[in-house]
Amino acid sequence: MSSIITGEAVVLELRPASFAARALGLVLDVLVNVVLLVLILLGITAAAQDLDDAAVRALSLLGIVFCFVILPVAIETVTRGLSLGKLAAGLRVVRDDGGAIRFRHAVIRGLTGFLEIYLTLGGLAIGVALFNGRSKRLGDILAGTYALRRRVPVEAIVRVDVPPQLQGWAQAADIGRIPDATARRATQFIRQAGRMSPLSAAGMARSIATELAGHVAPPPPPGTSPELYLAAVIAERRHREYSKLQQARRRNSATAERLDRLPFGP
């Protein structure tokens, strides 16, 4: 996984395509281009009786250039990095900074691809991609692009509620301003605890609970596990923040209604 920092200092986690996914998309694109070329050559052969040898050779060469260079470049330019093979494999070609590719990127990839894919039967593309961290082929290196995974598994939403045995304590507890980093760690732990080993989960829960204890009073009832404590604090904090937001919306709505009345309104 690669990270990109935007101008607003937001870190974007991007997933470069694996070598196998890139190979699958490339094979599908090559098959489509070869089938199209065969159809064009069959059409030229059918019309060869009305053409001389030079015209047949010229049309055949034009068909090869069209199928292996012009068409891939045009498709990637119009679709901003997509093709039939990439759609099937769930990929998209993007710039190294994560932006959409442009015509010049597609041209560099198309011209280089004719060399490394068709003239070397894919040997050069495979050799370069195997030793690149993002599975880039030579055309990607020259153009400053790489293939990105478009289909990323969506994590199941984990709903956090106050445990029944801690509802009375949570409603009466004084929850101060919890640092955003600590709250984020607690939320991520609750979402990922099911995929952690019991020993690691218990240790991390104790560590985060110790951080939260300095901002929550009084302590939870004796015998409360760190996992339940975290769930109760995070869920109650969310409920209180939501209640504050709803109150602010109601106040804003009431203010807007007063301003709409005469003499302020139309």
C-alpha atoms as a PDB file:
ATOM      1  CA  MET A   1       0.000   0.000   0.000  1.00  0.00           C
ATOM      2  CA  SER A   2       1.279   3.471  -0.877  1.00  0.00           C
ATOM      3  CA  SER A   3       0.498   6.794   0.760  1.00  0.00           C
ATOM      4  CA  ILE A   4      -0.095  10.160  -0.901  1.00  0.00           C
ATOM      5  CA  ILE A   5      -0.310  13.437   1.047  1.00  0.00           C
ATOM      6  CA  THR A   6      -2.717  15.942  -0.475  1.00  0.00           C
ATOM      7  CA  GLY A   7      -2.392  19.724  -0.323  1.00  0.00           C
ATOM      8  CA  GLU A   8      -4.675  19.716   2.726  1.00  0.00           C
ATOM      9  CA  ALA A   9      -2.220  17.377   4.518  1.00  0.00           C
ATOM     10  CA  VAL A  10      -4.632  14.440   4.218  1.00  0.00           C
ATOM     11  CA  VAL A  11      -2.967  11.059   3.820  1.00  0.00           C
ATOM     12  CA  LEU A  12      -4.568   8.892   1.133  1.00  0.00           C
ATOM     13  CA  GLU A  13      -3.958   5.161   1.332  1.00  0.00           C
ATOM     14  CA  LEU A  14      -3.841   3.714  -2.188  1.00  0.00           C
ATOM     15  CA  ARG A  15      -3.530   0.071  -3.178  1.00  0.00           C
ATOM     16  CA  PRO A  16      -1.267  -0.595  -6.164  1.00  0.00           C
ATOM     17  CA  ALA A  17      -2.322  -3.524  -8.316  1.00  0.00           C
ATOM     18  CA  SER A  18      -0.532  -6.801  -7.809  1.00  0.00           C
ATOM     19  CA  PHE A  19       1.545  -8.383 -10.546  1.00  0.00           C
ATOM     20  CA  ALA A  20      -1.089 -11.082 -11.109  1.00  0.00           C
ATOM     21  CA  ALA A  21      -3.905  -8.544 -11.476  1.00  0.00           C
ATOM     22  CA  ARG A  22      -1.845  -6.479 -13.905  1.00  0.00           C
ATOM     23  CA  ALA A  23      -0.956  -9.567 -15.899  1.00  0.00           C
ATOM     24  CA  LEU A  24      -4.622 -10.571 -16.120  1.00  0.00           C
ATOM     25  CA  GLY A  25      -5.694  -7.139 -17.340  1.00  0.00           C
ATOM     26  CA  LEU A  26      -2.837  -7.048 -19.858  1.00  0.00           C
ATOM     27  CA  VAL A  27      -3.638 -10.477 -21.256  1.00  0.00           C
ATOM     28  CA  LEU A  28      -7.285  -9.521 -21.744  1.00  0.00           C
ATOM     29  CA  ASP A  29      -6.323  -6.280 -23.501  1.00  0.00           C
ATOM     30  CA  VAL A  30      -3.881  -8.113 -25.755  1.00  0.00           C
ATOM     31  CA  LEU A  31      -6.508 -10.712 -26.679  1.00  0.00           C
ATOM     32  CA  VAL A  32      -9.009  -7.994 -27.578  1.00  0.00           C
ATOM     33  CA  ASN A  33      -6.451  -6.157 -29.702  1.00  0.00           C
ATOM     34  CA  VAL A  34      -5.307  -9.333 -31.460  1.00  0.00           C
ATOM     35  CA  VAL A  35      -8.886 -10.382 -32.250  1.00  0.00           C
ATOM     36  CA  LEU A  36      -9.612  -6.936 -33.647  1.00  0.00           C
ATOM     37  CA  LEU A  37      -6.436  -7.063 -35.756  1.00  0.00           C
ATOM     38  CA  VAL A  38      -7.383 -10.487 -37.133  1.00  0.00           C
ATOM     39  CA  LEU A  39     -10.771  -9.138 -38.166  1.00  0.00           C
ATOM     40  CA  ILE A  40      -9.161  -6.159 -39.878  1.00  0.00           C
ATOM     41  CA  LEU A  41      -6.657  -8.370 -41.691  1.00  0.00           C
ATOM     42  CA  LEU A  42      -9.445 -10.662 -42.839  1.00  0.00           C
ATOM     43  CA  GLY A  43     -11.238  -7.643 -44.231  1.00  0.00           C
ATOM     44  CA  ILE A  44      -8.086  -6.517 -46.011  1.00  0.00           C
ATOM     45  CA  THR A  45      -7.567 -10.006 -47.406  1.00  0.00           C
ATOM     46  CA  ALA A  46     -11.118 -10.082 -48.724  1.00  0.00           C
ATOM     47  CA  ALA A  47     -10.501  -6.800 -50.518  1.00  0.00           C
ATOM     48  CA  ALA A  48      -6.975  -7.728 -51.663  1.00  0.00           C
ATOM     49  CA  GLN A  49      -8.131  -8.669 -55.154  1.00  0.00           C
ATOM     50  CA  ASP A  50      -9.004  -5.022 -55.799  1.00  0.00           C
ATOM     51  CA  LEU A  51      -5.733  -3.683 -54.323  1.00  0.00           C
ATOM     52  CA  ASP A  52      -2.084  -3.965 -55.267  1.00  0.00           C
ATOM     53  CA  ASP A  53       0.559  -5.451 -52.948  1.00  0.00           C
ATOM     54  CA  ALA A  54       1.805  -2.074 -51.711  1.00  0.00           C
ATOM     55  CA  ALA A  55      -1.685  -1.017 -50.682  1.00  0.00           C
ATOM     56  CA  VAL A  56      -2.266  -4.318 -48.883  1.00  0.00           C
ATOM     57  CA  ARG A  57       1.016  -3.946 -46.972  1.00  0.00           C
ATOM     58  CA  ALA A  58       0.238  -0.338 -46.119  1.00  0.00           C
ATOM     59  CA  LEU A  59      -3.249  -1.184 -44.871  1.00  0.00           C
ATOM     60  CA  SER A  60      -1.911  -4.123 -42.872  1.00  0.00           C
ATOM     61  CA  LEU A  61       0.722  -1.928 -41.241  1.00  0.00           C
ATOM     62  CA  LEU A  62      -1.903   0.715 -40.514  1.00  0.00           C
ATOM     63  CA  GLY A  63      -4.127  -1.957 -38.947  1.00  0.00           C
ATOM     64  CA  ILE A  64      -1.293  -3.104 -36.686  1.00  0.00           C
ATOM     65  CA  VAL A  65      -0.517   0.448 -35.564  1.00  0.00           C
ATOM     66  CA  PHE A  66      -4.209   1.160 -35.032  1.00  0.00           C
ATOM     67  CA  CYS A  67      -4.870  -1.951 -32.918  1.00  0.00           C
ATOM     68  CA  PHE A  68      -1.664  -1.939 -30.866  1.00  0.00           C
ATOM     69  CA  VAL A  69      -0.974   1.799 -30.419  1.00  0.00           C
ATOM     70  CA  ILE A  70      -3.684   4.219 -31.541  1.00  0.00           C
ATOM     71  CA  LEU A  71      -6.680   2.386 -30.087  1.00  0.00           C
ATOM     72  CA  PRO A  72      -5.129   1.695 -26.616  1.00  0.00           C
ATOM     73  CA  VAL A  73      -3.930   5.306 -26.371  1.00  0.00           C
ATOM     74  CA  ALA A  74      -7.341   6.668 -27.368  1.00  0.00           C
ATOM     75  CA  ILE A  75      -9.216   4.434 -24.916  1.00  0.00           C
ATOM     76  CA  GLU A  76      -6.938   5.258 -21.960  1.00  0.00           C
ATOM     77  CA  THR A  77      -7.141   8.972 -22.759  1.00  0.00           C
ATOM     78  CA  VAL A  78     -10.934   9.075 -23.017  1.00  0.00           C
ATOM     79  CA  THR A  79     -11.570   6.845 -20.000  1.00  0.00           C
ATOM     80  CA  ARG A  80      -8.763   8.348 -17.882  1.00  0.00           C
ATOM     81  CA  GLY A  81      -6.796   5.133 -17.481  1.00  0.00           C
ATOM     82  CA  LEU A  82      -9.304   2.368 -18.156  1.00  0.00           C
ATOM     83  CA  SER A  83      -9.604  -0.372 -20.772  1.00  0.00           C
ATOM     84  CA  LEU A  84     -11.607  -3.559 -21.186  1.00  0.00           C
ATOM     85  CA  GLY A  85      -8.930  -5.640 -19.503  1.00  0.00           C
ATOM     86  CA  LYS A  86      -8.532  -3.210 -16.624  1.00  0.00           C
ATOM     87  CA  LEU A  87     -12.286  -3.030 -16.115  1.00  0.00           C
ATOM     88  CA  ALA A  88     -12.434  -6.828 -15.894  1.00  0.00           C
ATOM     89  CA  ALA A  89      -9.489  -6.948 -13.472  1.00  0.00           C
ATOM     90  CA  GLY A  90     -10.735  -3.996 -11.388  1.00  0.00           C
ATOM     91  CA  LEU A  91      -7.772  -1.722 -12.189  1.00  0.00           C
ATOM     92  CA  ARG A  92      -7.160   1.845 -13.300  1.00  0.00           C
ATOM     93  CA  VAL A  93      -3.958   3.522 -14.460  1.00  0.00           C
ATOM     94  CA  VAL A  94      -3.208   6.727 -12.532  1.00  0.00           C
ATOM     95  CA  ARG A  95      -0.299   9.136 -12.196  1.00  0.00           C
ATOM     96  CA  ASP A  96       2.261   8.640  -9.464  1.00  0.00           C
ATOM     97  CA  ASP A  97       0.528  11.400  -7.488  1.00  0.00           C
ATOM     98  CA  GLY A  98      -2.803   9.573  -7.720  1.00  0.00           C
ATOM     99  CA  GLY A  99      -4.364  11.861 -10.360  1.00  0.00           C
ATOM    100  CA  ALA A 100      -5.986  10.863 -13.641  1.00  0.00           C
ATOM    101  CA  ILE A 101      -3.663  10.313 -16.589  1.00  0.00           C
ATOM    102  CA  ARG A 102      -3.688  12.579 -19.624  1.00  0.00           C
ATOM    103  CA  PHE A 103      -2.978  12.174 -23.314  1.00  0.00           C
ATOM    104  CA  ARG A 104       0.792  12.407 -22.945  1.00  0.00           C
ATOM    105  CA  HIS A 105       0.832   9.646 -20.330  1.00  0.00           C
ATOM    106  CA  ALA A 106      -1.263   7.411 -22.571  1.00  0.00           C
ATOM    107  CA  VAL A 107       0.980   8.104 -25.579  1.00  0.00           C
ATOM    108  CA  ILE A 108       4.152   7.214 -23.678  1.00  0.00           C
ATOM    109  CA  ARG A 109       2.546   4.046 -22.329  1.00  0.00           C
ATOM    110  CA  GLY A 110       1.176   3.100 -25.765  1.00  0.00           C
ATOM    111  CA  LEU A 111       4.422   3.605 -27.686  1.00  0.00           C
ATOM    112  CA  THR A 112       6.511   1.870 -25.040  1.00  0.00           C
ATOM    113  CA  GLY A 113       3.929  -0.894 -24.721  1.00  0.00           C
ATOM    114  CA  PHE A 114       4.249  -1.777 -28.392  1.00  0.00           C
ATOM    115  CA  LEU A 115       7.943  -2.458 -27.758  1.00  0.00           C
ATOM    116  CA  GLU A 116       7.768  -4.236 -24.422  1.00  0.00           C
ATOM    117  CA  ILE A 117       4.535  -6.166 -24.940  1.00  0.00           C
ATOM    118  CA  TYR A 118       4.269  -7.040 -28.632  1.00  0.00           C
ATOM    119  CA  LEU A 119       7.813  -6.875 -30.023  1.00  0.00           C
ATOM    120  CA  THR A 120       9.279  -8.778 -27.050  1.00  0.00           C
ATOM    121  CA  LEU A 121       6.177 -10.951 -26.490  1.00  0.00           C
ATOM    122  CA  GLY A 122       5.741  -9.433 -23.043  1.00  0.00           C
ATOM    123  CA  GLY A 123       9.181 -10.462 -21.815  1.00  0.00           C
ATOM    124  CA  LEU A 124      10.432  -6.925 -21.181  1.00  0.00           C
ATOM    125  CA  ALA A 125       7.205  -5.873 -19.432  1.00  0.00           C
ATOM    126  CA  ILE A 126       7.243  -8.944 -17.180  1.00  0.00           C
ATOM    127  CA  GLY A 127      10.928  -8.575 -16.347  1.00  0.00           C
ATOM    128  CA  VAL A 128      10.557  -4.926 -15.306  1.00  0.00           C
ATOM    129  CA  ALA A 129       7.292  -5.425 -13.386  1.00  0.00           C
ATOM    130  CA  LEU A 130       8.647  -8.325 -11.342  1.00  0.00           C
ATOM    131  CA  PHE A 131      11.374  -6.127  -9.842  1.00  0.00           C
ATOM    132  CA  ASN A 132       9.208  -3.070  -9.197  1.00  0.00           C
ATOM    133  CA  GLY A 133       7.401  -2.442  -5.924  1.00  0.00           C
ATOM    134  CA  ARG A 134       4.254  -1.251  -7.710  1.00  0.00           C
ATOM    135  CA  SER A 135       4.481  -3.820 -10.525  1.00  0.00           C
ATOM    136  CA  LYS A 136       5.225  -1.055 -13.011  1.00  0.00           C
ATOM    137  CA  ARG A 137       6.193  -1.952 -16.532  1.00  0.00           C
ATOM    138  CA  LEU A 138       8.664   0.133 -18.519  1.00  0.00           C
ATOM    139  CA  GLY A 139       5.919   2.324 -19.976  1.00  0.00           C
ATOM    140  CA  ASP A 140       4.691   3.190 -16.472  1.00  0.00           C
ATOM    141  CA  ILE A 141       8.184   4.146 -15.334  1.00  0.00           C
ATOM    142  CA  LEU A 142       8.697   6.446 -18.314  1.00  0.00           C
ATOM    143  CA  ALA A 143       5.212   7.970 -18.082  1.00  0.00           C
ATOM    144  CA  GLY A 144       5.154   8.297 -14.284  1.00  0.00           C
ATOM    145  CA  THR A 145       2.074   6.106 -13.847  1.00  0.00           C
ATOM    146  CA  TYR A 146       1.033   2.883 -12.147  1.00  0.00           C
ATOM    147  CA  ALA A 147      -2.019   0.630 -11.913  1.00  0.00           C
ATOM    148  CA  LEU A 148      -4.370   1.125  -8.970  1.00  0.00           C
ATOM    149  CA  ARG A 149      -6.867  -1.333  -7.544  1.00  0.00           C
ATOM    150  CA  ARG A 150     -10.410  -0.013  -7.995  1.00  0.00           C
ATOM    151  CA  ARG A 151     -12.140  -2.823  -6.099  1.00  0.00           C
ATOM    152  CA  VAL A 152     -11.179  -2.608  -2.456  1.00  0.00           C
ATOM    153  CA  PRO A 153     -12.998  -4.823   0.054  1.00  0.00           C
ATOM    154  CA  VAL A 154     -15.373  -2.784   2.187  1.00  0.00           C
ATOM    155  CA  GLU A 155     -15.039  -3.370   5.903  1.00  0.00           C
ATOM    156  CA  ALA A 156     -18.195  -4.352   7.688  1.00  0.00           C
ATOM    157  CA  ILE A 157     -19.623  -1.587   9.862  1.00  0.00           C
ATOM    158  CA  VAL A 158     -19.128  -2.373  13.537  1.00  0.00           C
ATOM    159  CA  ARG A 159     -21.800  -0.721  15.661  1.00  0.00           C
ATOM    160  CA  VAL A 160     -20.560   0.235  19.099  1.00  0.00           C
ATOM    161  CA  ASP A 161     -23.155   0.465  21.872  1.00  0.00           C
ATOM    162  CA  VAL A 162     -22.861   0.906  25.602  1.00  0.00           C
ATOM    163  CA  PRO A 163     -22.920  -2.554  27.220  1.00  0.00           C
ATOM    164  CA  PRO A 164     -26.166  -3.031  29.189  1.00  0.00           C
ATOM    165  CA  GLN A 165     -24.347  -3.507  32.494  1.00  0.00           C
ATOM    166  CA  LEU A 166     -22.545  -0.168  32.061  1.00  0.00           C
ATOM    167  CA  GLN A 167     -25.404   2.028  30.847  1.00  0.00           C
ATOM    168  CA  GLY A 168     -26.126   3.537  34.263  1.00  0.00           C
ATOM    169  CA  TRP A 169     -22.459   4.279  34.880  1.00  0.00           C
ATOM    170  CA  ALA A 170     -21.925   5.727  31.373  1.00  0.00           C
ATOM    171  CA  GLN A 171     -24.863   8.131  31.639  1.00  0.00           C
ATOM    172  CA  ALA A 172     -23.581   9.516  34.945  1.00  0.00           C
ATOM    173  CA  ALA A 173     -19.879   9.509  34.054  1.00  0.00           C
ATOM    174  CA  ASP A 174     -18.014  12.752  33.493  1.00  0.00           C
ATOM    175  CA  ILE A 175     -16.323  12.299  30.110  1.00  0.00           C
ATOM    176  CA  GLY A 176     -13.860  15.120  29.483  1.00  0.00           C
ATOM    177  CA  ARG A 177     -12.243  16.164  26.224  1.00  0.00           C
ATOM    178  CA  ILE A 178     -10.621  12.978  24.980  1.00  0.00           C
ATOM    179  CA  PRO A 179      -7.670  13.632  22.622  1.00  0.00           C
ATOM    180  CA  ASP A 180      -8.563  12.856  19.034  1.00  0.00           C
ATOM    181  CA  ALA A 181      -5.618  10.466  18.668  1.00  0.00           C
ATOM    182  CA  THR A 182      -6.739   8.434  21.678  1.00  0.00           C
ATOM    183  CA  ALA A 183     -10.356   8.343  20.542  1.00  0.00           C
ATOM    184  CA  ARG A 184      -9.253   7.264  17.070  1.00  0.00           C
ATOM    185  CA  ARG A 185      -7.096   4.489  18.500  1.00  0.00           C
ATOM    186  CA  ALA A 186      -9.975   3.252  20.637  1.00  0.00           C
ATOM    187  CA  THR A 187     -12.394   3.259  17.696  1.00  0.00           C
ATOM    188  CA  GLN A 188      -9.950   1.432  15.438  1.00  0.00           C
ATOM    189  CA  PHE A 189      -9.286  -1.126  18.147  1.00  0.00           C
ATOM    190  CA  ILE A 190     -13.003  -1.854  18.552  1.00  0.00           C
ATOM    191  CA  ARG A 191     -13.334  -2.365  14.786  1.00  0.00           C
ATOM    192  CA  GLN A 192     -10.287  -4.619  14.507  1.00  0.00           C
ATOM    193  CA  ALA A 193     -10.378  -6.484  17.808  1.00  0.00           C
ATOM    194  CA  GLY A 194     -12.110  -9.470  16.220  1.00  0.00           C
ATOM    195  CA  ARG A 195      -9.166  -9.980  13.845  1.00  0.00           C
ATOM    196  CA  MET A 196      -6.496  -9.751  16.563  1.00  0.00           C
ATOM    197  CA  SER A 197      -5.109 -12.516  18.714  1.00  0.00           C
ATOM    198  CA  PRO A 198      -6.619 -12.583  22.223  1.00  0.00           C
ATOM    199  CA  LEU A 199      -3.297 -11.738  23.868  1.00  0.00           C
ATOM    200  CA  SER A 200      -2.602  -8.761  21.593  1.00  0.00           C
ATOM    201  CA  ALA A 201      -6.179  -7.507  21.891  1.00  0.00           C
ATOM    202  CA  ALA A 202      -6.077  -7.660  25.700  1.00  0.00           C
ATOM    203  CA  GLY A 203      -2.765  -5.795  25.864  1.00  0.00           C
ATOM    204  CA  MET A 204      -3.871  -3.047  23.510  1.00  0.00           C
ATOM    205  CA  ALA A 205      -7.216  -2.681  25.281  1.00  0.00           C
ATOM    206  CA  ARG A 206      -5.464  -2.178  28.624  1.00  0.00           C
ATOM    207  CA  SER A 207      -3.116   0.399  27.103  1.00  0.00           C
ATOM    208  CA  ILE A 208      -5.911   2.459  25.536  1.00  0.00           C
ATOM    209  CA  ALA A 209      -8.113   2.139  28.632  1.00  0.00           C
ATOM    210  CA  THR A 210      -5.272   3.556  30.725  1.00  0.00           C
ATOM    211  CA  GLU A 211      -5.112   6.594  28.413  1.00  0.00           C
ATOM    212  CA  LEU A 212      -8.869   7.113  28.616  1.00  0.00           C
ATOM    213  CA  ALA A 213      -8.920   6.806  32.413  1.00  0.00           C
ATOM    214  CA  GLY A 214      -7.333  10.243  32.748  1.00  0.00           C
ATOM    215  CA  HIS A 215     -10.316  11.848  31.009  1.00  0.00           C
ATOM    216  CA  VAL A 216     -13.209   9.845  32.499  1.00  0.00           C
ATOM    217  CA  ALA A 217     -14.512   9.889  36.054  1.00  0.00           C
ATOM    218  CA  PRO A 218     -15.499   8.034  38.120  1.00  0.00           C
ATOM    219  CA  PRO A 219     -13.822   4.706  37.318  1.00  0.00           C
ATOM    220  CA  PRO A 220     -16.053   1.951  35.952  1.00  0.00           C
ATOM    221  CA  PRO A 221     -17.581  -0.643  38.271  1.00  0.00           C
ATOM    222  CA  PRO A 222     -15.078  -3.165  39.655  1.00  0.00           C
ATOM    223  CA  GLY A 223     -14.480  -6.139  37.391  1.00  0.00           C
ATOM    224  CA  THR A 224     -15.196  -4.264  34.144  1.00  0.00           C
ATOM    225  CA  SER A 225     -12.957  -5.541  31.366  1.00  0.00           C
ATOM    226  CA  PRO A 226     -10.933  -2.989  29.340  1.00  0.00           C
ATOM    227  CA  GLU A 227     -12.815  -3.970  26.162  1.00  0.00           C
ATOM    228  CA  LEU A 228     -16.229  -3.203  27.701  1.00  0.00           C
ATOM    229  CA  TYR A 229     -14.858  -0.004  29.227  1.00  0.00           C
ATOM    230  CA  LEU A 230     -13.657   1.221  25.831  1.00  0.00           C
ATOM    231  CA  ALA A 231     -16.963   0.374  24.167  1.00  0.00           C
ATOM    232  CA  ALA A 232     -18.940   2.202  26.876  1.00  0.00           C
ATOM    233  CA  VAL A 233     -16.807   5.361  26.750  1.00  0.00           C
ATOM    234  CA  ILE A 234     -16.681   5.594  22.952  1.00  0.00           C
ATOM    235  CA  ALA A 235     -20.398   4.885  22.529  1.00  0.00           C
ATOM    236  CA  GLU A 236     -21.423   7.382  25.230  1.00  0.00           C
ATOM    237  CA  ARG A 237     -19.071  10.017  23.798  1.00  0.00           C
ATOM    238  CA  ARG A 238     -20.623   9.517  20.366  1.00  0.00           C
ATOM    239  CA  HIS A 239     -24.129   9.803  21.807  1.00  0.00           C
ATOM    240  CA  ARG A 240     -23.292  13.052  23.614  1.00  0.00           C
ATOM    241  CA  GLU A 241     -21.596  14.579  20.566  1.00  0.00           C
ATOM    242  CA  TYR A 242     -24.620  13.681  18.454  1.00  0.00           C
ATOM    243  CA  SER A 243     -26.976  15.244  21.013  1.00  0.00           C
ATOM    244  CA  LYS A 244     -24.923  18.454  20.984  1.00  0.00           C
ATOM    245  CA  LEU A 245     -25.058  18.519  17.190  1.00  0.00           C
ATOM    246  CA  GLN A 246     -28.819  18.070  17.185  1.00  0.00           C
ATOM    247  CA  GLN A 247     -29.247  20.875  19.714  1.00  0.00           C
ATOM    248  CA  ALA A 248     -27.077  23.176  17.606  1.00  0.00           C
ATOM    249  CA  ARG A 249     -29.161  22.387  14.533  1.00  0.00           C
ATOM    250  CA  ARG A 250     -32.369  23.161  16.382  1.00  0.00           C
ATOM    251  CA  ARG A 251     -30.955  26.485  17.602  1.00  0.00           C
ATOM    252  CA  ASN A 252     -29.836  27.380  14.092  1.00  0.00           C
ATOM    253  CA  SER A 253     -33.250  26.483  12.699  1.00  0.00           C
ATOM    254  CA  ALA A 254     -35.011  28.606  15.317  1.00  0.00           C
ATOM    255  CA  THR A 255     -32.692  31.542  14.561  1.00  0.00           C
ATOM    256  CA  ALA A 256     -33.324  31.181  10.827  1.00  0.00           C
ATOM    257  CA  GLU A 257     -37.092  31.197  11.402  1.00  0.00           C
ATOM    258  CA  ARG A 258     -36.853  34.422  13.435  1.00  0.00           C
ATOM    259  CA  LEU A 259     -34.735  36.077  10.761  1.00  0.00           C
ATOM    260  CA  ASP A 260     -37.248  35.089   8.078  1.00  0.00           C
ATOM    261  CA  ARG A 261     -40.039  36.938   9.880  1.00  0.00           C
ATOM    262  CA  LEU A 262     -40.764  40.623   9.322  1.00  0.00           C
ATOM    263  CA  PRO A 263     -39.053  43.035   9.335  1.00  0.00           C
ATOM    264  CA  PHE A 264     -36.069  40.866   8.300  1.00  0.00           C
ATOM    265  CA  GLY A 265     -37.820  38.653   5.778  1.00  0.00           C
ATOM    266  CA  PRO A 266     -39.024  39.685   2.297  1.00  0.00           C
END
